[in-house]
Amino acid sequence: MLEYWKAETGNNNIKMEIEYNQYCKYFFCTDPKDNEKVSVHTIEYFLEKGFREIDLRLYNRIACFDFAGAKILLENGARPDINFNGYPLDKG
């Protein structure tokens, strides 16, 4: 995110002032270091349903605001248009 705003504004002195872990409960994932979850399910759950692993990992990295990780996955062929219709993303 910082790299994006540095490039967008031309200001290389932008600093991160908010630590992710202090506010993670307000984001889509509860642990930014957890690379094995898509919402409340494991990636394995969705692999068994026929989803591609690279797309699931992209969803995970986007949910955790890991823009560098998401960029790498996109460059390696991940598709951002994953459709979870019919598969629960929460326990409700």
Protein backbone atom coordinates (compact mmCIF):
# COMPACT_ATOMS: atom_id res chain seq x y z
CA MET A 1 0.00 0.00 0.00
CA LEU A 2 2.82 2.40 0.88
CA GLU A 3 4.54 1.69 -2.43
CA TYR A 4 1.32 2.50 -4.27
CA TRP A 5 0.87 5.86 -2.52
CA LYS A 6 4.55 6.74 -2.92
CA ALA A 7 4.26 6.15 -6.66
CA GLU A 8 0.87 7.86 -6.90
CA THR A 9 1.90 11.01 -5.04
CA GLY A 10 5.61 11.10 -5.86
CA ASN A 11 6.30 11.42 -2.13
CA ASN A 12 8.87 8.87 -0.94
CA ASN A 13 8.64 10.01 2.69
CA ILE A 14 5.30 8.34 3.45
CA LYS A 15 5.53 6.24 6.61
CA MET A 16 3.27 3.52 7.98
CA GLU A 17 1.74 4.89 11.16
CA ILE A 18 -0.76 2.13 11.91
CA GLU A 19 0.41 -1.33 12.91
CA TYR A 20 -1.81 -3.92 11.27
CA ASN A 21 -1.95 -6.21 14.31
CA GLN A 22 -3.49 -3.46 16.43
CA TYR A 23 -6.45 -3.19 14.07
CA CYS A 24 -6.72 -6.62 12.44
CA LYS A 25 -10.15 -7.25 13.96
CA TYR A 26 -11.46 -4.48 11.70
CA PHE A 27 -10.12 -6.15 8.55
CA PHE A 28 -11.15 -9.32 6.73
CA CYS A 29 -8.61 -11.66 8.31
CA THR A 30 -7.73 -12.13 11.94
CA ASP A 31 -4.05 -12.94 11.44
CA PRO A 32 -2.10 -11.41 8.53
CA LYS A 33 0.50 -14.17 8.83
CA ASP A 34 -2.10 -16.93 8.36
CA ASN A 35 -1.68 -18.03 4.74
CA GLU A 36 -4.02 -21.00 5.05
CA LYS A 37 -7.45 -19.41 5.51
CA VAL A 38 -10.10 -18.09 3.18
CA SER A 39 -12.56 -16.44 5.52
CA VAL A 40 -13.28 -19.05 8.21
CA HIS A 41 -12.32 -22.08 6.11
CA THR A 42 -8.92 -23.51 5.27
CA ILE A 43 -7.65 -23.29 1.72
CA GLU A 44 -7.84 -27.11 1.70
CA TYR A 45 -11.65 -26.86 2.13
CA PHE A 46 -11.96 -24.90 -1.11
CA LEU A 47 -9.36 -27.00 -2.94
CA GLU A 48 -11.62 -30.00 -2.32
CA LYS A 49 -14.45 -28.04 -3.97
CA GLY A 50 -12.38 -27.56 -7.13
CA PHE A 51 -11.00 -24.05 -6.68
CA ARG A 52 -7.48 -23.24 -7.87
CA GLU A 53 -4.91 -22.83 -5.10
CA ILE A 54 -3.32 -19.71 -6.59
CA ASP A 55 -6.72 -17.96 -6.68
CA LEU A 56 -7.41 -18.92 -3.07
CA ARG A 57 -4.01 -17.64 -1.99
CA LEU A 58 -4.73 -14.36 -3.78
CA TYR A 59 -8.04 -14.04 -1.92
CA ASN A 60 -6.18 -14.69 1.35
CA ARG A 61 -3.50 -12.08 0.66
CA ILE A 62 -6.04 -9.46 -0.43
CA ALA A 63 -8.11 -10.07 2.71
CA CYS A 64 -4.98 -9.47 4.79
CA PHE A 65 -4.04 -6.33 2.86
CA ASP A 66 -0.78 -7.94 1.68
CA PHE A 67 -0.46 -5.97 -1.54
CA ALA A 68 3.06 -7.16 -2.31
CA GLY A 69 1.98 -10.80 -1.96
CA ALA A 70 -1.16 -10.17 -4.03
CA LYS A 71 0.89 -8.56 -6.80
CA ILE A 72 3.19 -11.59 -7.00
CA LEU A 73 0.23 -13.95 -7.21
CA LEU A 74 -1.42 -11.86 -9.94
CA GLU A 75 1.84 -11.82 -11.90
CA ASN A 76 1.88 -15.62 -11.63
CA GLY A 77 -1.60 -16.07 -13.05
CA ALA A 78 -4.01 -15.76 -10.11
CA ARG A 79 -7.47 -14.60 -11.12
CA PRO A 80 -9.17 -11.99 -8.92
CA ASP A 81 -12.67 -12.91 -10.13
CA ILE A 82 -13.09 -15.99 -7.93
CA ASN A 83 -16.79 -16.79 -7.37
CA PHE A 84 -17.80 -18.38 -4.07
CA ASN A 85 -21.52 -18.67 -4.89
CA GLY A 86 -22.89 -21.70 -3.10
CA TYR A 87 -19.94 -21.99 -0.71
CA PRO A 88 -20.15 -20.37 2.73
CA LEU A 89 -17.50 -17.80 3.65
CA ASP A 90 -18.68 -17.74 7.22
CA LYS A 91 -20.17 -20.20 9.67
CA GLY A 92 -23.59 -18.58 9.49
